[in-house]
Amino acid sequence: MIRSRTILAIILIAIGLAWIGQGTGLLKGTGFMVGDPKWAVIGAAAVVAGIALGVLEIRRRRQA
Protein backbone atom coordinates (compact mmCIF):
# COMPACT_ATOMS: atom_id res chain seq x y z
CA MET A 1 0.00 0.00 0.00
CA ILE A 2 2.87 2.35 0.77
CA ARG A 3 4.46 1.92 -2.65
CA SER A 4 1.19 2.54 -4.43
CA ARG A 5 0.78 5.95 -2.73
CA THR A 6 4.33 6.91 -3.60
CA ILE A 7 3.86 5.83 -7.22
CA LEU A 8 0.55 7.71 -7.40
CA ALA A 9 2.22 10.87 -6.07
CA ILE A 10 4.97 10.62 -8.70
CA ILE A 11 2.45 10.01 -11.49
CA LEU A 12 0.29 12.97 -10.39
CA ILE A 13 3.30 15.28 -10.39
CA ALA A 14 4.55 14.06 -13.78
CA ILE A 15 1.13 14.32 -15.45
CA GLY A 16 0.53 17.70 -13.85
CA LEU A 17 3.81 19.05 -15.18
CA ALA A 18 2.96 17.77 -18.67
CA TRP A 19 -0.46 19.44 -18.49
CA ILE A 20 1.12 22.70 -17.33
CA GLY A 21 3.53 22.52 -20.26
CA GLN A 22 0.75 21.90 -22.75
CA GLY A 23 -1.60 24.48 -21.25
CA THR A 24 1.03 27.20 -21.34
CA GLY A 25 2.23 26.23 -24.81
CA LEU A 26 5.73 25.21 -23.69
CA LEU A 27 5.16 21.74 -25.12
CA LYS A 28 4.33 22.02 -28.78
CA GLY A 29 1.81 19.81 -30.48
CA THR A 30 -1.54 19.75 -32.21
CA GLY A 31 -3.79 18.51 -29.41
CA PHE A 32 -6.78 20.22 -27.88
CA MET A 33 -4.83 20.94 -24.68
CA VAL A 34 -2.05 22.97 -26.29
CA GLY A 35 -2.35 26.67 -25.49
CA ASP A 36 -5.46 26.25 -23.32
CA PRO A 37 -4.79 27.86 -19.91
CA LYS A 38 -7.48 25.69 -18.31
CA TRP A 39 -5.11 22.73 -18.59
CA ALA A 40 -2.30 24.66 -16.93
CA VAL A 41 -4.57 25.25 -13.93
CA ILE A 42 -5.67 21.61 -13.84
CA GLY A 43 -2.02 20.57 -14.09
CA ALA A 44 -1.06 22.84 -11.21
CA ALA A 45 -3.80 21.25 -9.10
CA ALA A 46 -2.48 17.80 -9.97
CA VAL A 47 1.06 18.80 -8.99
CA VAL A 48 -0.16 20.22 -5.67
CA ALA A 49 -2.16 17.04 -4.99
CA GLY A 50 0.87 14.88 -5.83
CA ILE A 51 3.13 16.90 -3.55
CA ALA A 52 0.59 16.76 -0.73
CA LEU A 53 0.25 12.99 -1.13
CA GLY A 54 4.03 12.63 -1.14
CA VAL A 55 4.45 14.73 1.99
CA LEU A 56 1.76 12.74 3.80
CA GLU A 57 3.48 9.52 2.82
CA ILE A 58 6.86 10.76 4.07
CA ARG A 59 5.27 11.74 7.39
CA ARG A 60 3.63 8.31 7.74
CA ARG A 61 6.93 6.56 7.08
CA ARG A 62 8.68 8.62 9.76
CA GLN A 63 6.02 7.83 12.35
CA ALA A 64 6.11 4.09 11.69
PDB file of N, CA and C in Angstrom:
ATOM      1  N   MET A   1       0.824  -1.199   0.000  1.00  0.00           N
ATOM      2  CA  MET A   1       0.000   0.000   0.000  1.00  0.00           C
ATOM      3  C   MET A   1       0.868   1.263   0.000  1.00  0.00           C
ATOM      4  N   ILE A   2       2.000   1.182   0.691  1.00  0.00           N
ATOM      5  CA  ILE A   2       2.874   2.352   0.775  1.00  0.00           C
ATOM      6  C   ILE A   2       3.445   2.682  -0.609  1.00  0.00           C
ATOM      7  N   ARG A   3       3.874   1.673  -1.326  1.00  0.00           N
ATOM      8  CA  ARG A   3       4.457   1.921  -2.647  1.00  0.00           C
ATOM      9  C   ARG A   3       3.435   2.508  -3.605  1.00  0.00           C
ATOM     10  N   SER A   4       2.201   2.052  -3.492  1.00  0.00           N
ATOM     11  CA  SER A   4       1.192   2.543  -4.425  1.00  0.00           C
ATOM     12  C   SER A   4       0.933   4.036  -4.214  1.00  0.00           C
ATOM     13  N   ARG A   5       0.964   4.507  -2.976  1.00  0.00           N
ATOM     14  CA  ARG A   5       0.779   5.945  -2.728  1.00  0.00           C
ATOM     15  C   ARG A   5       1.957   6.754  -3.252  1.00  0.00           C
ATOM     16  N   THR A   6       3.140   6.223  -3.090  1.00  0.00           N
ATOM     17  CA  THR A   6       4.328   6.909  -3.601  1.00  0.00           C
ATOM     18  C   THR A   6       4.295   6.968  -5.126  1.00  0.00           C
ATOM     19  N   ILE A   7       3.946   5.867  -5.755  1.00  0.00           N
ATOM     20  CA  ILE A   7       3.856   5.832  -7.217  1.00  0.00           C
ATOM     21  C   ILE A   7       2.771   6.779  -7.702  1.00  0.00           C
ATOM     22  N   LEU A   8       1.630   6.800  -7.022  1.00  0.00           N
ATOM     23  CA  LEU A   8       0.546   7.707  -7.395  1.00  0.00           C
ATOM     24  C   LEU A   8       0.986   9.165  -7.281  1.00  0.00           C
ATOM     25  N   ALA A   9       1.726   9.493  -6.242  1.00  0.00           N
ATOM     26  CA  ALA A   9       2.223  10.866  -6.072  1.00  0.00           C
ATOM     27  C   ALA A   9       3.150  11.248  -7.228  1.00  0.00           C
ATOM     28  N   ILE A  10       4.038  10.350  -7.603  1.00  0.00           N
ATOM     29  CA  ILE A  10       4.972  10.621  -8.698  1.00  0.00           C
ATOM     30  C   ILE A  10       4.219  10.785 -10.017  1.00  0.00           C
ATOM     31  N   ILE A  11       3.231   9.925 -10.252  1.00  0.00           N
ATOM     32  CA  ILE A  11       2.449  10.011 -11.490  1.00  0.00           C
ATOM     33  C   ILE A  11       1.661  11.312 -11.547  1.00  0.00           C
ATOM     34  N   LEU A  12       1.044  11.703 -10.425  1.00  0.00           N
ATOM     35  CA  LEU A  12       0.293  12.967 -10.390  1.00  0.00           C
ATOM     36  C   LEU A  12       1.190  14.156 -10.714  1.00  0.00           C
ATOM     37  N   ILE A  13       2.379  14.167 -10.139  1.00  0.00           N
ATOM     38  CA  ILE A  13       3.304  15.275 -10.385  1.00  0.00           C
ATOM     39  C   ILE A  13       3.749  15.294 -11.849  1.00  0.00           C
ATOM     40  N   ALA A  14       4.079  14.133 -12.391  1.00  0.00           N
ATOM     41  CA  ALA A  14       4.547  14.062 -13.782  1.00  0.00           C
ATOM     42  C   ALA A  14       3.446  14.478 -14.757  1.00  0.00           C
ATOM     43  N   ILE A  15       2.241  13.965 -14.561  1.00  0.00           N
ATOM     44  CA  ILE A  15       1.134  14.323 -15.450  1.00  0.00           C
ATOM     45  C   ILE A  15       0.799  15.801 -15.304  1.00  0.00           C
ATOM     46  N   GLY A  16       0.813  16.287 -14.079  1.00  0.00           N
ATOM     47  CA  GLY A  16       0.530  17.705 -13.846  1.00  0.00           C
ATOM     48  C   GLY A  16       1.527  18.609 -14.547  1.00  0.00           C
ATOM     49  N   LEU A  17       2.799  18.235 -14.495  1.00  0.00           N
ATOM     50  CA  LEU A  17       3.810  19.045 -15.185  1.00  0.00           C
ATOM     51  C   LEU A  17       3.612  19.019 -16.699  1.00  0.00           C
ATOM     52  N   ALA A  18       3.235  17.855 -17.226  1.00  0.00           N
ATOM     53  CA  ALA A  18       2.959  17.767 -18.668  1.00  0.00           C
ATOM     54  C   ALA A  18       1.764  18.640 -19.034  1.00  0.00           C
ATOM     55  N   TRP A  19       0.720  18.615 -18.214  1.00  0.00           N
ATOM     56  CA  TRP A  19      -0.461  19.442 -18.486  1.00  0.00           C
ATOM     57  C   TRP A  19      -0.139  20.925 -18.384  1.00  0.00           C
ATOM     58  N   ILE A  20       0.699  21.294 -17.434  1.00  0.00           N
ATOM     59  CA  ILE A  20       1.118  22.698 -17.330  1.00  0.00           C
ATOM     60  C   ILE A  20       1.866  23.102 -18.595  1.00  0.00           C
ATOM     61  N   GLY A  21       2.774  22.242 -19.045  1.00  0.00           N
ATOM     62  CA  GLY A  21       3.532  22.524 -20.260  1.00  0.00           C
ATOM     63  C   GLY A  21       2.648  22.662 -21.487  1.00  0.00           C
ATOM     64  N   GLN A  22       1.655  21.818 -21.604  1.00  0.00           N
ATOM     65  CA  GLN A  22       0.748  21.903 -22.747  1.00  0.00           C
ATOM     66  C   GLN A  22      -0.171  23.113 -22.631  1.00  0.00           C
ATOM     67  N   GLY A  23      -0.673  23.360 -21.443  1.00  0.00           N
ATOM     68  CA  GLY A  23      -1.601  24.479 -21.255  1.00  0.00           C
ATOM     69  C   GLY A  23      -0.952  25.832 -21.478  1.00  0.00           C
ATOM     70  N   THR A  24       0.326  25.930 -21.147  1.00  0.00           N
ATOM     71  CA  THR A  24       1.028  27.197 -21.344  1.00  0.00           C
ATOM     72  C   THR A  24       1.662  27.307 -22.729  1.00  0.00           C
ATOM     73  N   GLY A  25       1.654  26.215 -23.470  1.00  0.00           N
ATOM     74  CA  GLY A  25       2.226  26.234 -24.809  1.00  0.00           C
ATOM     75  C   GLY A  25       3.718  25.934 -24.843  1.00  0.00           C
ATOM     76  N   LEU A  26       4.310  25.553 -23.704  1.00  0.00           N
ATOM     77  CA  LEU A  26       5.728  25.209 -23.694  1.00  0.00           C
ATOM     78  C   LEU A  26       5.998  23.908 -24.445  1.00  0.00           C
ATOM     79  N   LEU A  27       5.059  22.976 -24.360  1.00  0.00           N
ATOM     80  CA  LEU A  27       5.163  21.741 -25.120  1.00  0.00           C
ATOM     81  C   LEU A  27       4.342  21.903 -26.395  1.00  0.00           C
ATOM     82  N   LYS A  28       5.005  21.805 -27.496  1.00  0.00           N
ATOM     83  CA  LYS A  28       4.333  22.017 -28.782  1.00  0.00           C
ATOM     84  C   LYS A  28       3.625  20.757 -29.232  1.00  0.00           C
ATOM     85  N   GLY A  29       2.558  20.933 -29.952  1.00  0.00           N
ATOM     86  CA  GLY A  29       1.808  19.813 -30.481  1.00  0.00           C
ATOM     87  C   GLY A  29       0.554  20.314 -31.175  1.00  0.00           C
ATOM     88  N   THR A  30      -0.317  19.378 -31.510  1.00  0.00           N
ATOM     89  CA  THR A  30      -1.542  19.749 -32.213  1.00  0.00           C
ATOM     90  C   THR A  30      -2.785  19.314 -31.448  1.00  0.00           C
ATOM     91  N   GLY A  31      -2.651  18.992 -30.191  1.00  0.00           N
ATOM     92  CA  GLY A  31      -3.790  18.512 -29.411  1.00  0.00           C
ATOM     93  C   GLY A  31      -4.685  19.637 -28.933  1.00  0.00           C
ATOM     94  N   PHE A  32      -5.816  19.244 -28.373  1.00  0.00           N
ATOM     95  CA  PHE A  32      -6.783  20.222 -27.882  1.00  0.00           C
ATOM     96  C   PHE A  32      -6.309  20.913 -26.598  1.00  0.00           C
ATOM     97  N   MET A  33      -5.297  20.361 -25.938  1.00  0.00           N
ATOM     98  CA  MET A  33      -4.828  20.936 -24.681  1.00  0.00           C
ATOM     99  C   MET A  33      -3.784  22.036 -24.895  1.00  0.00           C
ATOM    100  N   VAL A  34      -3.153  22.052 -26.030  1.00  0.00           N
ATOM    101  CA  VAL A  34      -2.046  22.974 -26.286  1.00  0.00           C
ATOM    102  C   VAL A  34      -2.563  24.409 -26.346  1.00  0.00           C
ATOM    103  N   GLY A  35      -1.995  25.255 -25.504  1.00  0.00           N
ATOM    104  CA  GLY A  35      -2.346  26.669 -25.494  1.00  0.00           C
ATOM    105  C   GLY A  35      -3.627  26.992 -24.738  1.00  0.00           C
ATOM    106  N   ASP A  36      -4.235  26.017 -24.085  1.00  0.00           N
ATOM    107  CA  ASP A  36      -5.463  26.253 -23.318  1.00  0.00           C
ATOM    108  C   ASP A  36      -5.097  26.404 -21.843  1.00  0.00           C
ATOM    109  N   PRO A  37      -5.210  27.609 -21.295  1.00  0.00           N
ATOM    110  CA  PRO A  37      -4.787  27.858 -19.914  1.00  0.00           C
ATOM    111  C   PRO A  37      -5.547  27.028 -18.877  1.00  0.00           C
ATOM    112  N   LYS A  38      -6.721  26.537 -19.237  1.00  0.00           N
ATOM    113  CA  LYS A  38      -7.481  25.689 -18.311  1.00  0.00           C
ATOM    114  C   LYS A  38      -6.659  24.468 -17.921  1.00  0.00           C
ATOM    115  N   TRP A  39      -5.912  23.911 -18.872  1.00  0.00           N
ATOM    116  CA  TRP A  39      -5.114  22.725 -18.586  1.00  0.00           C
ATOM    117  C   TRP A  39      -3.899  23.044 -17.732  1.00  0.00           C
ATOM    118  N   ALA A  40      -3.396  24.263 -17.814  1.00  0.00           N
ATOM    119  CA  ALA A  40      -2.300  24.665 -16.929  1.00  0.00           C
ATOM    120  C   ALA A  40      -2.786  24.710 -15.487  1.00  0.00           C
ATOM    121  N   VAL A  41      -4.006  25.192 -15.275  1.00  0.00           N
ATOM    122  CA  VAL A  41      -4.574  25.250 -13.927  1.00  0.00           C
ATOM    123  C   VAL A  41      -4.846  23.846 -13.397  1.00  0.00           C
ATOM    124  N   ILE A  42      -5.413  22.990 -14.241  1.00  0.00           N
ATOM    125  CA  ILE A  42      -5.675  21.610 -13.839  1.00  0.00           C
ATOM    126  C   ILE A  42      -4.350  20.897 -13.526  1.00  0.00           C
ATOM    127  N   GLY A  43      -3.337  21.159 -14.327  1.00  0.00           N
ATOM    128  CA  GLY A  43      -2.020  20.570 -14.087  1.00  0.00           C
ATOM    129  C   GLY A  43      -1.410  21.041 -12.786  1.00  0.00           C
ATOM    130  N   ALA A  44      -1.573  22.324 -12.476  1.00  0.00           N
ATOM    131  CA  ALA A  44      -1.057  22.843 -11.209  1.00  0.00           C
ATOM    132  C   ALA A  44      -1.758  22.172 -10.035  1.00  0.00           C
ATOM    133  N   ALA A  45      -3.058  21.945 -10.157  1.00  0.00           N
ATOM    134  CA  ALA A  45      -3.797  21.253  -9.097  1.00  0.00           C
ATOM    135  C   ALA A  45      -3.303  19.817  -8.936  1.00  0.00           C
ATOM    136  N   ALA A  46      -2.998  19.160 -10.039  1.00  0.00           N
ATOM    137  CA  ALA A  46      -2.484  17.795  -9.971  1.00  0.00           C
ATOM    138  C   ALA A  46      -1.107  17.760  -9.304  1.00  0.00           C
ATOM    139  N   VAL A  47      -0.261  18.731  -9.618  1.00  0.00           N
ATOM    140  CA  VAL A  47       1.059  18.803  -8.993  1.00  0.00           C
ATOM    141  C   VAL A  47       0.922  19.032  -7.491  1.00  0.00           C
ATOM    142  N   VAL A  48       0.047  19.945  -7.097  1.00  0.00           N
ATOM    143  CA  VAL A  48      -0.165  20.217  -5.666  1.00  0.00           C
ATOM    144  C   VAL A  48      -0.685  18.964  -4.964  1.00  0.00           C
ATOM    145  N   ALA A  49      -1.625  18.261  -5.585  1.00  0.00           N
ATOM    146  CA  ALA A  49      -2.161  17.036  -4.991  1.00  0.00           C
ATOM    147  C   ALA A  49      -1.067  15.969  -4.863  1.00  0.00           C
ATOM    148  N   GLY A  50      -0.227  15.849  -5.875  1.00  0.00           N
ATOM    149  CA  GLY A  50       0.868  14.883  -5.826  1.00  0.00           C
ATOM    150  C   GLY A  50       1.883  15.214  -4.746  1.00  0.00           C
ATOM    151  N   ILE A  51       2.200  16.486  -4.602  1.00  0.00           N
ATOM    152  CA  ILE A  51       3.135  16.895  -3.551  1.00  0.00           C
ATOM    153  C   ILE A  51       2.527  16.647  -2.174  1.00  0.00           C
ATOM    154  N   ALA A  52       1.261  16.976  -2.018  1.00  0.00           N
ATOM    155  CA  ALA A  52       0.595  16.755  -0.726  1.00  0.00           C
ATOM    156  C   ALA A  52       0.574  15.266  -0.384  1.00  0.00           C
ATOM    157  N   LEU A  53       0.257  14.423  -1.359  1.00  0.00           N
ATOM    158  CA  LEU A  53       0.252  12.987  -1.128  1.00  0.00           C
ATOM    159  C   LEU A  53       1.650  12.487  -0.768  1.00  0.00           C
ATOM    160  N   GLY A  54       2.653  13.006  -1.445  1.00  0.00           N
ATOM    161  CA  GLY A  54       4.027  12.626  -1.141  1.00  0.00           C
ATOM    162  C   GLY A  54       4.458  13.047   0.249  1.00  0.00           C
ATOM    163  N   VAL A  55       4.099  14.247   0.645  1.00  0.00           N
ATOM    164  CA  VAL A  55       4.446  14.732   1.989  1.00  0.00           C
ATOM    165  C   VAL A  55       3.751  13.894   3.053  1.00  0.00           C
ATOM    166  N   LEU A  56       2.479  13.584   2.845  1.00  0.00           N
ATOM    167  CA  LEU A  56       1.762  12.738   3.799  1.00  0.00           C
ATOM    168  C   LEU A  56       2.408  11.360   3.908  1.00  0.00           C
ATOM    169  N   GLU A  57       2.837  10.828   2.797  1.00  0.00           N
ATOM    170  CA  GLU A  57       3.483   9.515   2.816  1.00  0.00           C
ATOM    171  C   GLU A  57       4.815   9.558   3.552  1.00  0.00           C
ATOM    172  N   ILE A  58       5.577  10.619   3.357  1.00  0.00           N
ATOM    173  CA  ILE A  58       6.858  10.757   4.071  1.00  0.00           C
ATOM    174  C   ILE A  58       6.606  10.860   5.571  1.00  0.00           C
ATOM    175  N   ARG A  59       5.599  11.618   5.970  1.00  0.00           N
ATOM    176  CA  ARG A  59       5.275  11.736   7.395  1.00  0.00           C
ATOM    177  C   ARG A  59       4.839  10.399   7.977  1.00  0.00           C
ATOM    178  N   ARG A  60       4.068   9.630   7.244  1.00  0.00           N
ATOM    179  CA  ARG A  60       3.630   8.307   7.739  1.00  0.00           C
ATOM    180  C   ARG A  60       4.805   7.366   7.896  1.00  0.00           C
ATOM    181  N   ARG A  61       5.752   7.438   6.980  1.00  0.00           N
ATOM    182  CA  ARG A  61       6.932   6.557   7.082  1.00  0.00           C
ATOM    183  C   ARG A  61       7.777   6.919   8.296  1.00  0.00           C
ATOM    184  N   ARG A  62       7.882   8.202   8.611  1.00  0.00           N
ATOM    185  CA  ARG A  62       8.685   8.621   9.762  1.00  0.00           C
ATOM    186  C   ARG A  62       8.042   8.224  11.075  1.00  0.00           C
ATOM    187  N   GLN A  63       6.727   8.194  11.122  1.00  0.00           N
ATOM    188  CA  GLN A  63       6.015   7.832  12.345  1.00  0.00           C
ATOM    189  C   GLN A  63       6.043   6.329  12.592  1.00  0.00           C
ATOM    190  N   ALA A  64       6.159   5.553  11.539  1.00  0.00           N
ATOM    191  CA  ALA A  64       6.112   4.095  11.686  1.00  0.00           C
ATOM    192  C   ALA A  64       7.408   3.511  12.190  1.00  0.00           C
TER     193      ALA A  64
END
